[in-house]
Amino acid sequence: MLDWTQLNTTCSNCQSCVLGQTRTNIVIGRGNINAPILFVGEGPGEQEDLHGQPFVGAAGQLLDTLLEALMLKQDDYYIANVVKCRPPNNRVPTDDEAEKCLPYLRNQVALIRPKIIVCLGSTAAKYVISKDIKITQIRGKWIERKGYWMMPTFHPAALLRDQSKKVLLFRDIKEVKQKLHNIMDEKDN
């Protein structure tokens, strides 16, 4: 397992797939590296590629607003993506691209050791939970695996296209907050 410095260096030098040739910046993550919640998205978009930070574009601003509305503190979470480089035109990462980047995400999980992993969208759920997952069928449901509580939900970008999903995403993240409180209460007892 790589430490944070080694992981950053390794990702910055990575040319394992074609995405390494077209990126502006590597996008590792943002937030508390000891957070109890890990949010995992698909991959960097244009703004994330320019700034080297995940979820800083319109979808990220929506996610930040949602987390603030639910009074989740920035210390409570870390945000990462399946792939660390922007796919051209914000397309979905290919299986090869995702598979090449998954060891980096697994390394992040091992370093952070979150209690809860929230998969934002079908791509994250596919690579973190199951290849056959259908986000509309599984979103909002808890899955426990290898000591982690996982919840797939909609990606905030989906809300920018379909406002009707806003209530469901809000409900899911509210459930994540409640699960975190329950876990922390159990730990204290």
Protein backbone atom coordinates (compact mmCIF):
# COMPACT_ATOMS: atom_id res chain seq x y z
CA MET A 1 0.00 0.00 0.00
CA LEU A 2 1.22 3.47 -0.91
CA ASP A 3 1.10 6.37 1.53
CA TRP A 4 -0.56 9.63 0.39
CA THR A 5 2.66 11.13 -0.98
CA GLN A 6 3.52 7.98 -2.91
CA LEU A 7 -0.04 7.69 -4.21
CA ASN A 8 -0.02 11.28 -5.46
CA THR A 9 3.34 10.79 -7.17
CA THR A 10 2.31 7.47 -8.72
CA CYS A 11 -0.98 8.89 -10.02
CA SER A 12 0.75 12.02 -11.33
CA ASN A 13 3.17 9.88 -13.34
CA CYS A 14 0.58 7.31 -14.47
CA GLN A 15 0.30 6.61 -18.18
CA SER A 16 -1.42 3.21 -17.82
CA CYS A 17 -4.29 4.20 -20.11
CA VAL A 18 -5.01 6.82 -22.76
CA LEU A 19 -6.53 9.24 -20.23
CA GLY A 20 -3.04 10.04 -18.92
CA GLN A 21 -2.14 11.51 -22.31
CA THR A 22 -5.01 14.01 -22.42
CA ARG A 23 -5.38 15.21 -18.84
CA THR A 24 -4.49 18.69 -17.64
CA ASN A 25 -4.31 17.65 -13.97
CA ILE A 26 -4.57 14.45 -12.03
CA VAL A 27 -7.61 14.50 -9.71
CA ILE A 28 -6.97 12.43 -6.58
CA GLY A 29 -9.57 13.67 -4.12
CA ARG A 30 -10.55 16.31 -1.60
CA GLY A 31 -11.65 16.34 2.00
CA ASN A 32 -10.61 14.76 5.27
CA ILE A 33 -8.23 11.83 4.70
CA ASN A 34 -9.52 10.31 7.96
CA ALA A 35 -13.20 10.80 7.16
CA PRO A 36 -15.86 8.26 8.10
CA ILE A 37 -17.65 8.80 4.74
CA LEU A 38 -16.12 8.34 1.29
CA PHE A 39 -18.06 9.64 -1.70
CA VAL A 40 -17.00 8.05 -4.99
CA GLY A 41 -17.93 9.54 -8.34
CA GLU A 42 -17.22 8.52 -11.91
CA GLY A 43 -14.35 10.73 -13.02
CA PRO A 44 -13.22 14.31 -13.39
CA GLY A 45 -15.07 16.70 -15.68
CA GLU A 46 -13.66 19.79 -17.36
CA GLN A 47 -13.59 21.98 -14.23
CA GLU A 48 -12.11 19.18 -12.12
CA ASP A 49 -9.39 18.59 -14.73
CA LEU A 50 -8.54 22.30 -14.76
CA HIS A 51 -8.45 22.64 -10.95
CA GLY A 52 -7.11 19.19 -9.98
CA GLN A 53 -9.97 18.72 -7.49
CA PRO A 54 -13.05 16.47 -7.73
CA PHE A 55 -16.58 17.84 -7.74
CA VAL A 56 -15.82 21.53 -8.25
CA GLY A 57 -18.08 22.04 -11.30
CA ALA A 58 -21.85 22.44 -11.31
CA ALA A 59 -22.49 18.90 -10.00
CA GLY A 60 -19.92 19.40 -7.24
CA GLN A 61 -21.50 22.69 -6.20
CA LEU A 62 -24.85 20.91 -6.01
CA LEU A 63 -23.29 18.15 -3.88
CA ASP A 64 -21.66 20.73 -1.57
CA THR A 65 -25.00 22.53 -1.16
CA LEU A 66 -26.72 19.24 -0.32
CA LEU A 67 -24.07 18.26 2.24
CA GLU A 68 -24.25 21.71 3.84
CA ALA A 69 -28.08 21.56 3.94
CA LEU A 70 -27.86 18.24 5.77
CA MET A 71 -25.24 19.73 8.09
CA LEU A 72 -22.55 17.20 7.24
CA LYS A 73 -19.25 18.72 8.29
CA GLN A 74 -16.30 18.77 5.89
CA ASP A 75 -14.43 16.61 8.42
CA ASP A 76 -17.07 13.91 7.85
CA TYR A 77 -16.20 13.13 4.25
CA TYR A 78 -13.65 12.65 1.51
CA ILE A 79 -14.54 12.77 -2.19
CA ALA A 80 -12.79 10.74 -4.89
CA ASN A 81 -13.53 9.23 -8.30
CA VAL A 82 -13.16 5.86 -9.99
CA VAL A 83 -10.77 7.35 -12.58
CA LYS A 84 -8.29 10.08 -11.74
CA CYS A 85 -8.06 11.64 -15.23
CA ARG A 86 -10.80 13.26 -17.29
CA PRO A 87 -12.30 11.14 -20.05
CA PRO A 88 -12.54 13.24 -23.25
CA ASN A 89 -15.82 15.17 -23.55
CA ASN A 90 -16.81 13.85 -20.09
CA ARG A 91 -17.69 10.45 -21.53
CA VAL A 92 -18.08 7.41 -19.26
CA PRO A 93 -14.72 5.74 -18.57
CA THR A 94 -14.12 2.51 -20.46
CA ASP A 95 -13.71 -0.75 -18.55
CA ASP A 96 -9.98 -0.68 -19.31
CA GLU A 97 -9.60 2.88 -17.99
CA ALA A 98 -11.56 2.11 -14.83
CA GLU A 99 -9.72 -1.17 -14.20
CA LYS A 100 -6.34 0.60 -14.52
CA CYS A 101 -7.40 3.22 -11.94
CA LEU A 102 -9.19 0.95 -9.45
CA PRO A 103 -5.99 0.07 -7.54
CA TYR A 104 -5.60 3.79 -6.76
CA LEU A 105 -9.15 3.99 -5.45
CA ARG A 106 -8.64 0.82 -3.40
CA ASN A 107 -5.46 2.37 -1.99
CA GLN A 108 -7.45 5.47 -1.02
CA VAL A 109 -10.06 3.29 0.73
CA ALA A 110 -7.28 1.48 2.62
CA LEU A 111 -5.72 4.79 3.71
CA ILE A 112 -8.98 6.51 4.68
CA ARG A 113 -10.69 3.44 6.19
CA PRO A 114 -14.17 4.98 5.96
CA LYS A 115 -17.17 3.47 7.67
CA ILE A 116 -19.46 4.36 4.76
CA ILE A 117 -18.86 4.46 0.99
CA VAL A 118 -21.41 6.35 -1.09
CA CYS A 119 -21.33 5.49 -4.79
CA LEU A 120 -22.47 8.54 -6.74
CA GLY A 121 -23.98 7.20 -9.93
CA SER A 122 -23.99 3.97 -11.89
CA THR A 123 -20.31 4.03 -12.90
CA ALA A 124 -19.11 4.26 -9.30
CA ALA A 125 -21.60 1.59 -8.20
CA LYS A 126 -20.52 -0.67 -11.08
CA TYR A 127 -16.84 -0.61 -10.11
CA VAL A 128 -17.21 -0.46 -6.33
CA ILE A 129 -20.19 -2.77 -5.72
CA SER A 130 -21.05 -4.93 -8.75
CA LYS A 131 -20.61 -4.88 -12.52
CA ASP A 132 -24.27 -5.86 -13.01
CA ILE A 133 -25.75 -3.14 -10.80
CA LYS A 134 -28.66 -1.03 -12.00
CA ILE A 135 -28.66 2.29 -10.13
CA THR A 136 -32.41 2.80 -10.47
CA GLN A 137 -33.07 -0.57 -8.81
CA ILE A 138 -30.46 -0.41 -6.02
CA ARG A 139 -30.15 3.29 -5.16
CA GLY A 140 -30.84 4.10 -1.55
CA LYS A 141 -30.26 0.52 -0.35
CA TRP A 142 -27.52 -0.41 2.09
CA ILE A 143 -24.99 -3.08 1.19
CA GLU A 144 -22.49 -4.30 3.77
CA ARG A 145 -19.29 -5.75 2.42
CA LYS A 146 -15.82 -6.28 3.89
CA GLY A 147 -16.64 -4.12 6.91
CA TYR A 148 -17.93 -1.18 4.86
CA TRP A 149 -21.48 0.09 4.60
CA MET A 150 -22.12 1.08 0.97
CA MET A 151 -24.97 2.99 -0.56
CA PRO A 152 -25.42 3.62 -4.27
CA THR A 153 -27.32 6.77 -5.18
CA PHE A 154 -27.70 9.18 -8.06
CA HIS A 155 -24.77 11.26 -9.24
CA PRO A 156 -25.44 14.97 -8.62
CA ALA A 157 -25.02 15.58 -12.37
CA ALA A 158 -28.20 13.51 -12.92
CA LEU A 159 -30.10 16.15 -10.95
CA LEU A 160 -28.92 18.84 -13.32
CA ARG A 161 -30.74 16.93 -16.08
CA ASP A 162 -33.70 15.64 -14.04
CA GLN A 163 -34.88 17.68 -11.05
CA SER A 164 -37.26 14.89 -9.95
CA LYS A 165 -34.25 12.95 -8.61
CA LYS A 166 -33.38 15.72 -6.15
CA VAL A 167 -35.74 14.44 -3.44
CA LEU A 168 -34.37 10.90 -3.76
CA LEU A 169 -30.72 12.00 -3.55
CA PHE A 170 -31.53 14.23 -0.56
CA ARG A 171 -33.28 11.29 1.14
CA ASP A 172 -30.32 8.97 0.44
CA ILE A 173 -27.72 11.37 1.83
CA LYS A 174 -29.95 12.02 4.86
CA GLU A 175 -29.94 8.23 5.40
CA VAL A 176 -26.13 8.24 5.11
CA LYS A 177 -25.94 10.87 7.83
CA GLN A 178 -28.25 8.81 10.07
CA LYS A 179 -26.18 5.66 9.47
CA LEU A 180 -23.04 7.59 10.43
CA HIS A 181 -24.68 8.68 13.69
CA ASN A 182 -25.76 5.09 14.40
CA ILE A 183 -22.25 3.78 13.75
CA MET A 184 -20.69 6.42 15.97
CA ASP A 185 -23.24 5.74 18.74
CA GLU A 186 -22.42 2.01 18.60
CA LYS A 187 -18.70 2.80 18.75
CA ASP A 188 -19.21 4.98 21.84
CA ASN A 189 -21.16 2.26 23.69
